[in-house]
Amino acid sequence: MEMAFQKIEAPCLLGVVGEVQNSEQTQELRLPDGYPDVGKVLCAWGQTILRGKEWRSDSVVVSGGMLMWVLYEPEDGTGSRVLEGWLPFQLRFQLPADAPQGTIRVSALTRFADARSVSPRKLMLRGGIGILAQVFTPHRLEYWQCSQPVDGVELLRRRYPIRLPREAGEKNFSLEEDLSLGLVPEGVLYYCLRPEILEQKVLSGKIAFRGNANLHVLLQCQDGKVMAQDFQLPFSQFDELTASYGPEAQVDVACAVTNLELEKGEDGGLRVRCGIAAQYLVDDITIVETVADAYVPGGQLRLETQQLEPKGILEKRVETVSAEGHFPEEMGQVEDVSFLPDFPRQFRENGGLSLEIPGSLQVLSTDQQGKLRVNTSRWEGKLKLPMGEDTVLTARPLNPAAPQSISGGYRGELPLQLTTFGGQGIPMVTELERQPEAEPDQQRPSLILRRAGEESLWDIAKKCGSTVAAIRSVNKLQEEPKPGQMLLIPVC
């Protein structure tokens, strides 16, 4: 007699792409008419802007550019000048064959920005961009349940809580605000925006999140000096979901800057306009119940089994990595410090995972003659994690803390959002058939006295031709027996 098993399909998302690509873009920039010839390039800054995400038949394409600012000393000895440029980029990420259309989630970093003079009237700009692309497609986790148990057949049922990605989406919004400076600047050298999520949660059929768009501005004052100012542009947003979720649901929001403009107002102040894409991933607990094993006391069963390999979320946490950048002792008056980290590089070794996070620290200072000078130092953080071979780690840098001055340099601290995907195989009976009964063994005892070892009650009952319920009842057990405990085992 066959027992009926039913296939269950749990809707979820499957991550089919999780890849980092680094791009280096170059472009010539000619000086506008009226600008003095270049004598010396002092410094360059960049802000990566995400413009578009396109789904194609075999790939996804991420496009955007880097806003660049170049500070230089003119050849004629007049005051330093700043030039603006734009370096476009387009990166392609390959999709698996026949992947259904899904959702693209992008994190972008400015890895470096520099410039050099090609001629007195021409600069060569160079910008480094890092893109983490994650692609999630609709998927159904399939497993088997026994719908019609048969008397006399013992089933070992197991329940597994699995955290699965369930829904991905994007909320685009813009911010516009007048900035109170307390002075009338001569000009703006550069500005950058780093959105930060402070709180995020799932409220049944919607998500809600709040945070700050942290704006850093380097101003050139009328007396020729420079001054850095920071502003927080608070935001609070929500978005409707396509389904409702329970209290254990979580959301992870990753922000990308899609537009950034800063202009002088009529009163001499500044007005900022920015666009932000809040890309979210919702996950929730799915309870998977399977039959892990079955037997007939004193009889025979034919079993068909499979291993269920769910790719759920095992862990989410934030780790902070720190390292130091060393500079010459005499740098003069420090005006601004920039910290530019890369995406981590991952290496499997010694049964775990090692992360190396390169980056750079850049210090803008004023020497005793009042001249601006720039010093740059490499930065490299390291992190070792215990990690199984079948797990996949996504490491996304969050907003770094402001670098702290130490003896001989600066210390930079970088928080990393770590998400581990994977899961061990789950044994699953998919089909079983009860074999014809054999002639009963007249010599078979009706009661066995046995000392418990490391085996579970299920293993003891199956081996001795009994049931877990019968052993519990006779021995008055509420839990598993202790090793060495004597058990009375009724034989069925």
Protein backbone atom coordinates (compact mmCIF):
# COMPACT_ATOMS: atom_id res chain seq x y z
CA MET A 1 0.00 0.00 0.00
CA GLU A 2 1.39 3.40 -1.01
CA MET A 3 1.09 6.49 1.18
CA ALA A 4 0.20 9.76 -0.52
CA PHE A 5 2.69 12.63 -0.32
CA GLN A 6 1.79 16.16 -1.34
CA LYS A 7 4.18 18.63 -2.94
CA ILE A 8 4.18 22.01 -1.15
CA GLU A 9 5.45 25.18 -2.85
CA ALA A 10 6.64 28.05 -0.65
CA PRO A 11 6.99 31.34 -2.59
CA CYS A 12 10.29 33.15 -2.13
CA LEU A 13 13.07 34.94 -4.00
CA LEU A 14 16.25 33.34 -5.28
CA GLY A 15 19.49 35.29 -5.47
CA VAL A 16 20.95 34.59 -8.92
CA VAL A 17 23.60 37.35 -9.01
CA GLY A 18 25.72 38.70 -6.17
CA GLU A 19 28.78 40.21 -7.81
CA VAL A 20 31.12 43.14 -7.34
CA GLN A 21 32.63 44.88 -10.35
CA ASN A 22 35.17 47.69 -10.24
CA SER A 23 35.37 50.18 -13.07
CA GLU A 24 38.01 52.79 -13.84
CA GLN A 25 36.85 55.67 -16.03
CA THR A 26 39.00 58.37 -17.63
CA GLN A 27 38.11 61.51 -19.51
CA GLU A 28 39.81 64.66 -20.72
CA LEU A 29 38.58 67.98 -19.37
CA ARG A 30 39.43 71.24 -21.08
CA LEU A 31 39.61 74.42 -19.05
CA PRO A 32 36.79 76.87 -19.75
CA ASP A 33 37.64 80.23 -21.26
CA GLY A 34 38.62 82.70 -18.58
CA TYR A 35 40.27 80.09 -16.35
CA PRO A 36 44.06 80.49 -15.86
CA ASP A 37 46.40 77.75 -17.06
CA VAL A 38 47.07 74.79 -14.79
CA GLY A 39 50.23 74.98 -12.75
CA LYS A 40 49.72 72.10 -10.32
CA VAL A 41 46.84 69.75 -9.59
CA LEU A 42 46.22 69.73 -5.84
CA CYS A 43 43.33 67.40 -5.23
CA ALA A 44 40.34 65.58 -6.76
CA TRP A 45 37.08 64.32 -5.27
CA GLY A 46 34.24 62.22 -6.62
CA GLN A 47 30.59 61.31 -5.98
CA THR A 48 29.14 58.22 -7.67
CA ILE A 49 25.62 58.64 -9.04
CA LEU A 50 23.33 55.75 -10.03
CA ARG A 51 21.28 56.61 -13.12
CA GLY A 52 19.70 53.38 -14.31
CA LYS A 53 19.23 49.61 -13.98
CA GLU A 54 18.18 47.70 -17.07
CA TRP A 55 17.06 44.07 -17.38
CA ARG A 56 18.10 42.38 -20.62
CA SER A 57 17.63 38.83 -21.88
CA ASP A 58 21.04 37.56 -20.72
CA SER A 59 22.28 40.27 -18.36
CA VAL A 60 21.50 43.32 -16.27
CA VAL A 61 23.13 46.66 -17.01
CA VAL A 62 23.90 49.28 -14.36
CA SER A 63 24.66 52.81 -15.55
CA GLY A 64 25.53 56.13 -14.01
CA GLY A 65 28.53 58.34 -13.55
CA MET A 66 30.88 60.09 -11.20
CA LEU A 67 30.66 63.78 -10.42
CA MET A 68 34.23 65.04 -10.10
CA TRP A 69 35.82 68.16 -8.72
CA VAL A 70 39.46 69.04 -9.36
CA LEU A 71 41.32 71.67 -7.35
CA TYR A 72 44.41 73.18 -8.99
CA GLU A 73 46.92 75.98 -8.52
CA PRO A 74 47.11 78.28 -11.57
CA GLU A 75 50.39 78.83 -13.34
CA ASP A 76 50.10 82.60 -12.86
CA GLY A 77 50.16 82.27 -9.05
CA THR A 78 46.62 83.48 -8.45
CA GLY A 79 44.25 81.75 -6.05
CA SER A 80 43.38 78.07 -6.46
CA ARG A 81 40.49 77.12 -8.78
CA VAL A 82 38.08 74.22 -8.94
CA LEU A 83 36.71 72.48 -12.04
CA GLU A 84 33.76 70.10 -12.32
CA GLY A 85 33.55 67.02 -14.56
CA TRP A 86 31.34 63.99 -15.24
CA LEU A 87 32.62 60.47 -15.91
CA PRO A 88 29.87 58.13 -17.21
CA PHE A 89 30.00 54.37 -16.64
CA GLN A 90 28.07 51.28 -17.70
CA LEU A 91 28.60 47.81 -16.21
CA ARG A 92 27.09 44.51 -17.34
CA PHE A 93 26.36 41.58 -15.00
CA GLN A 94 25.69 38.19 -16.61
CA LEU A 95 22.45 36.36 -15.76
CA PRO A 96 21.99 32.58 -15.56
CA ALA A 97 20.30 31.03 -18.57
CA ASP A 98 16.49 31.31 -18.62
CA ALA A 99 16.36 33.45 -15.47
CA PRO A 100 12.86 34.94 -15.02
CA GLN A 101 12.73 38.70 -14.72
CA GLY A 102 13.30 39.88 -11.18
CA THR A 103 14.62 42.79 -9.13
CA ILE A 104 18.02 44.48 -9.32
CA ARG A 105 19.57 45.91 -6.14
CA VAL A 106 22.68 48.08 -6.46
CA SER A 107 25.18 49.50 -3.98
CA ALA A 108 27.73 51.99 -5.36
CA LEU A 109 31.05 53.24 -3.97
CA THR A 110 33.51 55.93 -4.99
CA ARG A 111 36.80 54.06 -4.77
CA PHE A 112 39.14 56.89 -5.79
CA ALA A 113 39.26 60.13 -7.76
CA ASP A 114 42.36 61.83 -9.14
CA ALA A 115 43.52 64.05 -11.96
CA ARG A 116 46.69 65.16 -13.72
CA SER A 117 47.54 67.92 -16.17
CA VAL A 118 48.03 66.87 -19.79
CA SER A 119 48.74 70.42 -20.93
CA PRO A 120 48.25 73.90 -19.45
CA ARG A 121 44.67 73.86 -20.79
CA LYS A 122 43.76 70.21 -20.37
CA LEU A 123 43.28 67.75 -17.46
CA MET A 124 42.95 63.99 -17.47
CA LEU A 125 40.32 62.86 -14.94
CA ARG A 126 40.35 59.35 -13.49
CA GLY A 127 37.67 57.87 -11.27
CA GLY A 128 37.29 54.48 -9.64
CA ILE A 129 33.76 53.12 -9.16
CA GLY A 130 32.70 49.97 -7.29
CA ILE A 131 29.29 48.37 -7.90
CA LEU A 132 27.70 45.51 -5.93
CA ALA A 133 24.80 44.11 -7.97
CA GLN A 134 22.33 41.68 -6.41
CA VAL A 135 19.62 40.13 -8.58
CA PHE A 136 16.64 38.28 -7.08
CA THR A 137 14.17 36.30 -9.19
CA PRO A 138 10.80 34.70 -8.28
CA HIS A 139 11.21 31.16 -6.98
CA ARG A 140 9.27 28.43 -5.18
CA LEU A 141 10.86 26.22 -2.55
CA GLU A 142 9.40 22.74 -3.15
CA TYR A 143 9.14 20.06 -0.48
CA TRP A 144 6.95 17.03 0.28
CA GLN A 145 4.50 16.41 3.11
CA CYS A 146 2.56 13.28 4.03
CA SER A 147 -1.11 14.12 3.65
CA GLN A 148 -2.73 10.75 4.52
CA PRO A 149 -0.88 8.73 7.19
CA VAL A 150 -1.67 5.01 7.44
CA ASP A 151 -2.24 3.16 10.70
CA GLY A 152 0.76 1.15 11.81
CA VAL A 153 3.34 3.33 10.01
CA GLU A 154 5.60 5.45 12.23
CA LEU A 155 6.57 8.82 10.77
CA LEU A 156 9.41 11.03 11.98
CA ARG A 157 8.20 14.55 11.27
CA ARG A 158 10.60 17.48 11.43
CA ARG A 159 9.86 21.23 11.39
CA TYR A 160 12.48 23.67 10.11
CA PRO A 161 12.13 27.45 10.41
CA ILE A 162 13.84 28.91 7.32
CA ARG A 163 14.27 32.64 6.76
CA LEU A 164 13.64 33.22 3.06
CA PRO A 165 13.83 36.40 0.94
CA ARG A 166 10.23 37.09 0.01
CA GLU A 167 9.90 40.45 -1.71
CA ALA A 168 12.17 43.11 -3.22
CA GLY A 169 11.34 46.59 -4.37
CA GLU A 170 12.41 50.19 -4.53
CA LYS A 171 11.15 53.52 -3.19
CA ASN A 172 12.50 56.60 -4.96
CA PHE A 173 12.25 59.97 -3.26
CA SER A 174 13.91 63.38 -3.37
CA LEU A 175 15.03 65.93 -0.80
CA GLU A 176 15.44 69.67 -1.17
CA GLU A 177 16.65 72.00 1.54
CA ASP A 178 18.28 75.38 2.15
CA LEU A 179 21.52 75.11 4.11
CA SER A 180 22.36 77.59 6.83
CA LEU A 181 26.11 78.27 6.61
CA GLY A 182 26.68 81.19 8.96
CA LEU A 183 28.89 82.85 6.32
CA VAL A 184 28.88 83.78 2.64
CA PRO A 185 31.30 81.42 0.86
CA GLU A 186 33.44 82.38 -2.08
CA GLY A 187 32.73 79.00 -3.65
CA VAL A 188 32.26 75.28 -3.14
CA LEU A 189 35.22 72.96 -3.67
CA TYR A 190 33.24 69.71 -3.52
CA TYR A 191 30.33 67.95 -1.82
CA CYS A 192 29.28 64.35 -1.26
CA LEU A 193 26.15 62.63 0.03
CA ARG A 194 26.00 59.45 2.09
CA PRO A 195 22.48 58.24 2.95
CA GLU A 196 22.17 56.31 6.21
CA ILE A 197 19.29 54.12 7.42
CA LEU A 198 18.61 54.51 11.15
CA GLU A 199 15.46 52.41 11.50
CA GLN A 200 13.66 49.95 9.22
CA LYS A 201 10.76 47.57 9.84
CA VAL A 202 7.92 45.61 8.28
CA LEU A 203 4.40 46.59 9.28
CA SER A 204 2.21 43.80 7.91
CA GLY A 205 1.62 44.95 4.31
CA LYS A 206 4.11 47.83 4.17
CA ILE A 207 7.65 48.79 5.08
CA ALA A 208 8.69 51.91 6.96
CA PHE A 209 12.16 53.37 7.28
CA ARG A 210 13.85 56.56 8.37
CA GLY A 211 17.35 57.93 8.18
CA ASN A 212 19.60 60.83 7.27
CA ALA A 213 21.15 61.95 4.04
CA ASN A 214 24.55 63.06 5.36
CA LEU A 215 25.92 65.90 3.24
CA HIS A 216 29.58 66.87 3.49
CA VAL A 217 30.56 70.21 1.91
CA LEU A 218 34.03 71.76 1.54
CA LEU A 219 33.76 75.54 1.17
CA GLN A 220 36.25 78.13 -0.03
CA CYS A 221 35.96 81.25 2.11
CA GLN A 222 36.46 84.83 0.96
CA ASP A 223 39.81 85.07 2.75
CA GLY A 224 41.12 82.12 0.68
CA LYS A 225 40.84 79.57 3.49
CA VAL A 226 38.77 76.41 3.26
CA MET A 227 36.23 75.07 5.71
CA ALA A 228 34.32 71.76 5.90
CA GLN A 229 30.71 71.62 7.05
CA ASP A 230 28.37 68.66 7.56
CA PHE A 231 24.59 68.64 7.31
CA GLN A 232 21.97 66.01 8.08
CA LEU A 233 18.90 65.89 5.87
CA PRO A 234 16.41 63.66 7.71
CA PHE A 235 13.92 61.52 5.80
CA SER A 236 11.09 59.15 6.67
CA GLN A 237 9.41 56.95 4.05
CA PHE A 238 7.13 53.96 3.63
CA ASP A 239 6.13 51.73 0.74
CA GLU A 240 3.28 49.30 0.15
CA LEU A 241 4.13 45.61 -0.23
CA THR A 242 2.41 43.06 -2.45
CA ALA A 243 1.75 40.72 0.50
CA SER A 244 1.27 40.87 4.27
CA TYR A 245 3.90 39.44 6.61
CA GLY A 246 4.07 38.31 10.21
CA PRO A 247 5.90 39.78 13.21
CA GLU A 248 9.14 37.93 12.40
CA ALA A 249 9.50 39.59 8.99
CA GLN A 250 12.52 41.88 8.49
CA VAL A 251 13.58 44.37 5.85
CA ASP A 252 17.02 45.47 4.68
CA VAL A 253 17.17 48.85 2.90
CA ALA A 254 20.17 49.84 0.76
CA CYS A 255 20.28 53.42 -0.51
CA ALA A 256 21.86 54.73 -3.72
CA VAL A 257 22.22 58.38 -4.71
CA THR A 258 20.47 59.05 -8.03
CA ASN A 259 20.88 62.84 -8.20
CA LEU A 260 22.85 65.53 -6.38
CA GLU A 261 22.86 69.29 -7.03
CA LEU A 262 24.18 72.15 -4.93
CA GLU A 263 23.71 75.78 -5.94
CA LYS A 264 24.01 79.22 -4.43
CA GLY A 265 20.84 80.92 -3.29
CA GLU A 266 20.02 84.60 -3.63
CA ASP A 267 20.95 85.25 0.00
CA GLY A 268 24.42 83.79 -0.46
CA GLY A 269 23.49 80.48 1.15
CA LEU A 270 23.30 77.06 -0.51
CA ARG A 271 20.39 74.95 -1.68
CA VAL A 272 20.75 71.19 -2.07
CA ARG A 273 18.61 68.88 -4.18
CA CYS A 274 19.15 65.13 -4.14
CA GLY A 275 17.46 61.93 -5.25
CA ILE A 276 17.70 58.62 -3.38
CA ALA A 277 16.70 55.10 -4.43
CA ALA A 278 15.84 53.05 -1.32
CA GLN A 279 16.12 49.44 -2.48
CA TYR A 280 14.59 47.00 -0.03
CA LEU A 281 14.59 43.25 0.52
CA VAL A 282 11.95 41.70 2.78
CA ASP A 283 12.51 38.30 4.38
CA ASP A 284 10.29 36.19 6.62
CA ILE A 285 10.25 32.83 8.40
CA THR A 286 8.74 29.89 6.50
CA ILE A 287 8.07 26.71 8.49
CA VAL A 288 9.01 23.67 6.39
CA GLU A 289 7.63 20.38 7.73
CA THR A 290 8.92 17.14 6.22
CA VAL A 291 8.93 13.42 6.98
CA ALA A 292 12.57 12.63 7.72
CA ASP A 293 12.14 8.86 8.22
CA ALA A 294 9.49 6.13 8.49
CA TYR A 295 9.17 2.47 9.47
CA VAL A 296 6.64 -0.23 10.34
CA PRO A 297 7.33 -2.03 13.65
CA GLY A 298 8.07 -5.61 12.69
CA GLY A 299 7.38 -4.89 8.99
CA GLN A 300 9.01 -3.50 5.88
CA LEU A 301 8.74 -0.20 4.00
CA ARG A 302 10.16 0.99 0.69
CA LEU A 303 11.30 4.60 1.01
CA GLU A 304 12.15 7.23 -1.61
CA THR A 305 14.11 10.15 -0.17
CA GLN A 306 15.59 13.45 -1.30
CA GLN A 307 17.72 16.20 0.22
CA LEU A 308 16.08 19.62 0.37
CA GLU A 309 18.70 22.34 -0.15
CA PRO A 310 17.13 25.66 0.84
CA LYS A 311 19.11 28.87 0.26
CA GLY A 312 17.80 30.82 3.19
CA ILE A 313 19.27 33.66 5.21
CA LEU A 314 21.33 32.17 8.02
CA GLU A 315 22.52 35.35 9.71
CA LYS A 316 22.54 39.13 9.42
CA ARG A 317 24.87 41.28 11.46
CA VAL A 318 27.15 44.33 11.36
CA GLU A 319 30.91 44.04 11.94
CA THR A 320 33.22 47.06 12.23
CA VAL A 321 36.68 46.89 10.67
CA SER A 322 39.38 49.41 11.54
CA ALA A 323 42.84 50.21 10.15
CA GLU A 324 45.27 53.10 10.05
CA GLY A 325 46.69 55.35 7.37
CA HIS A 326 50.08 56.94 8.05
CA PHE A 327 51.14 60.41 6.91
CA PRO A 328 54.15 62.73 7.23
CA GLU A 329 54.36 64.24 10.70
CA GLU A 330 54.29 67.83 9.42
CA MET A 331 51.09 68.29 7.45
CA GLY A 332 50.19 71.77 8.66
CA GLN A 333 46.63 72.73 9.50
CA VAL A 334 44.26 69.88 8.56
CA GLU A 335 41.23 71.19 6.66
CA ASP A 336 39.46 68.02 5.50
CA VAL A 337 39.81 64.23 5.74
CA SER A 338 38.22 61.81 3.26
CA PHE A 339 37.88 58.05 3.69
CA LEU A 340 37.15 55.97 0.56
CA PRO A 341 36.73 52.20 1.14
CA ASP A 342 36.38 49.49 -1.51
CA PHE A 343 34.07 46.49 -1.44
CA PRO A 344 35.66 43.61 0.51
CA ARG A 345 37.61 40.89 -1.31
CA GLN A 346 36.74 37.38 -0.11
CA PHE A 347 39.13 34.42 0.25
CA ARG A 348 38.36 30.87 1.43
CA GLU A 349 41.03 29.54 3.76
CA ASN A 350 41.41 27.26 6.80
CA GLY A 351 37.76 26.33 6.91
CA GLY A 352 36.60 29.94 7.02
CA LEU A 353 36.37 33.16 5.06
CA SER A 354 38.86 36.03 5.10
CA LEU A 355 37.86 39.54 4.06
CA GLU A 356 40.31 42.17 2.88
CA ILE A 357 38.91 45.69 2.58
CA PRO A 358 41.24 48.10 0.76
CA GLY A 359 40.71 51.82 0.71
CA SER A 360 42.40 55.20 1.01
CA LEU A 361 42.59 58.11 3.42
CA GLN A 362 43.08 61.59 1.94
CA VAL A 363 44.05 64.62 4.04
CA LEU A 364 43.79 68.18 2.77
CA SER A 365 45.91 70.61 4.81
CA THR A 366 47.34 74.14 4.73
CA ASP A 367 51.09 74.65 5.11
CA GLN A 368 52.83 77.53 6.89
CA GLN A 369 52.73 79.64 3.72
CA GLY A 370 48.97 79.19 3.46
CA LYS A 371 49.21 76.79 0.51
CA LEU A 372 46.88 73.81 0.21
CA ARG A 373 48.55 70.40 0.21
CA VAL A 374 47.20 66.86 -0.10
CA ASN A 375 48.51 63.62 1.39
CA THR A 376 47.07 60.19 0.57
CA SER A 377 47.66 56.90 2.37
CA ARG A 378 46.46 53.37 1.64
CA TRP A 379 44.11 51.74 4.15
CA GLU A 380 43.42 48.03 4.47
CA GLY A 381 41.12 46.39 6.98
CA LYS A 382 40.93 42.63 7.56
CA LEU A 383 38.30 40.33 9.02
CA LYS A 384 38.21 36.54 9.48
CA LEU A 385 34.91 34.67 9.78
CA PRO A 386 34.05 31.01 10.43
CA MET A 387 32.08 30.01 7.35
CA GLY A 388 30.91 26.73 5.84
CA GLU A 389 31.87 25.79 2.30
CA ASP A 390 28.27 25.86 1.07
CA THR A 391 27.46 29.32 2.41
CA VAL A 392 27.55 32.61 0.50
CA LEU A 393 28.40 35.91 2.18
CA THR A 394 27.32 39.35 0.99
CA ALA A 395 29.38 42.15 2.58
CA ARG A 396 28.11 45.69 2.01
CA PRO A 397 30.03 48.67 3.45
CA LEU A 398 27.91 51.13 5.40
CA ASN A 399 28.75 54.76 6.09
CA PRO A 400 32.24 54.96 7.62
CA ALA A 401 32.75 56.95 10.76
CA ALA A 402 34.73 60.19 10.52
CA PRO A 403 38.45 59.27 10.59
CA GLN A 404 40.10 59.89 13.95
CA SER A 405 43.51 61.50 14.33
CA ILE A 406 46.23 59.29 15.84
CA SER A 407 49.97 59.68 16.20
CA GLY A 408 51.45 59.70 12.70
CA GLY A 409 48.15 59.49 10.84
CA TYR A 410 44.46 58.65 11.03
CA ARG A 411 42.34 55.65 12.00
CA GLY A 412 39.38 54.80 9.83
CA GLU A 413 36.51 52.57 10.97
CA LEU A 414 34.20 50.91 8.48
CA PRO A 415 30.98 49.07 9.45
CA LEU A 416 30.08 46.13 7.19
CA GLN A 417 26.57 44.75 6.74
CA LEU A 418 27.12 40.97 6.56
CA THR A 419 24.40 38.63 5.27
CA THR A 420 25.02 34.88 5.08
CA PHE A 421 22.97 32.75 2.69
CA GLY A 422 22.88 28.95 2.68
CA GLY A 423 21.61 26.05 4.74
CA GLN A 424 22.32 22.40 5.46
CA GLY A 425 20.52 19.65 3.57
CA ILE A 426 17.16 18.61 4.99
CA PRO A 427 16.29 14.87 4.68
CA MET A 428 12.87 14.40 3.12
CA VAL A 429 10.81 11.28 2.35
CA THR A 430 8.96 11.79 -0.92
CA GLU A 431 7.33 8.38 -1.34
CA LEU A 432 6.88 5.19 0.63
CA GLU A 433 5.18 1.87 0.09
CA ARG A 434 4.29 -0.69 2.72
CA GLN A 435 5.57 -4.17 1.84
CA PRO A 436 3.54 -7.38 2.40
CA GLU A 437 3.61 -8.60 5.99
CA ALA A 438 6.00 -11.47 6.77
CA GLU A 439 5.11 -14.42 8.96
CA PRO A 440 5.37 -13.38 12.63
CA ASP A 441 8.47 -14.62 14.48
CA GLN A 442 7.27 -16.88 17.28
CA GLN A 443 10.60 -16.45 19.11
CA ARG A 444 10.34 -12.66 19.15
CA PRO A 445 10.14 -11.28 22.73
CA SER A 446 7.31 -8.94 23.71
CA LEU A 447 9.50 -6.86 26.06
CA ILE A 448 13.15 -5.84 25.90
CA LEU A 449 15.32 -4.40 28.66
CA ARG A 450 17.93 -2.08 27.17
CA ARG A 451 20.38 0.54 28.40
CA ALA A 452 20.11 3.90 26.63
CA GLY A 453 23.19 5.16 24.84
CA GLU A 454 23.68 8.09 22.49
CA GLU A 455 20.81 7.04 20.22
CA SER A 456 17.53 8.94 20.11
CA LEU A 457 14.20 7.37 21.11
CA TRP A 458 13.31 7.20 17.40
CA ASP A 459 16.44 5.18 16.62
CA ILE A 460 15.84 2.83 19.57
CA ALA A 461 12.18 2.28 18.67
CA LYS A 462 12.95 1.65 15.00
CA LYS A 463 15.75 -0.80 15.81
CA CYS A 464 13.75 -2.73 18.41
CA GLY A 465 10.43 -2.84 16.54
CA SER A 466 8.61 -0.56 18.96
CA THR A 467 7.21 2.98 18.88
CA VAL A 468 8.36 6.20 20.53
CA ALA A 469 4.93 6.61 22.17
CA ALA A 470 5.04 3.11 23.67
CA ILE A 471 8.55 3.57 25.11
CA ARG A 472 7.63 6.96 26.59
CA SER A 473 4.46 5.56 28.17
CA VAL A 474 6.08 2.51 29.78
CA ASN A 475 9.09 4.44 31.09
CA LYS A 476 7.18 7.63 31.93
CA LEU A 477 9.54 9.77 29.82
CA GLN A 478 8.91 13.39 28.94
CA GLU A 479 12.24 13.93 27.17
CA GLU A 480 15.02 11.89 25.61
CA PRO A 481 16.52 9.28 28.00
CA LYS A 482 19.84 10.00 29.65
CA PRO A 483 22.84 7.90 28.54
CA GLY A 484 23.02 4.77 30.69
CA GLN A 485 19.37 4.85 31.71
CA MET A 486 17.64 1.43 31.68
CA LEU A 487 14.59 1.27 29.43
CA LEU A 488 11.72 -1.16 29.12
CA ILE A 489 10.87 -1.50 25.42
CA PRO A 490 7.53 -3.08 24.45
CA VAL A 491 7.85 -4.88 21.10
CA CYS A 492 4.93 -4.42 18.71
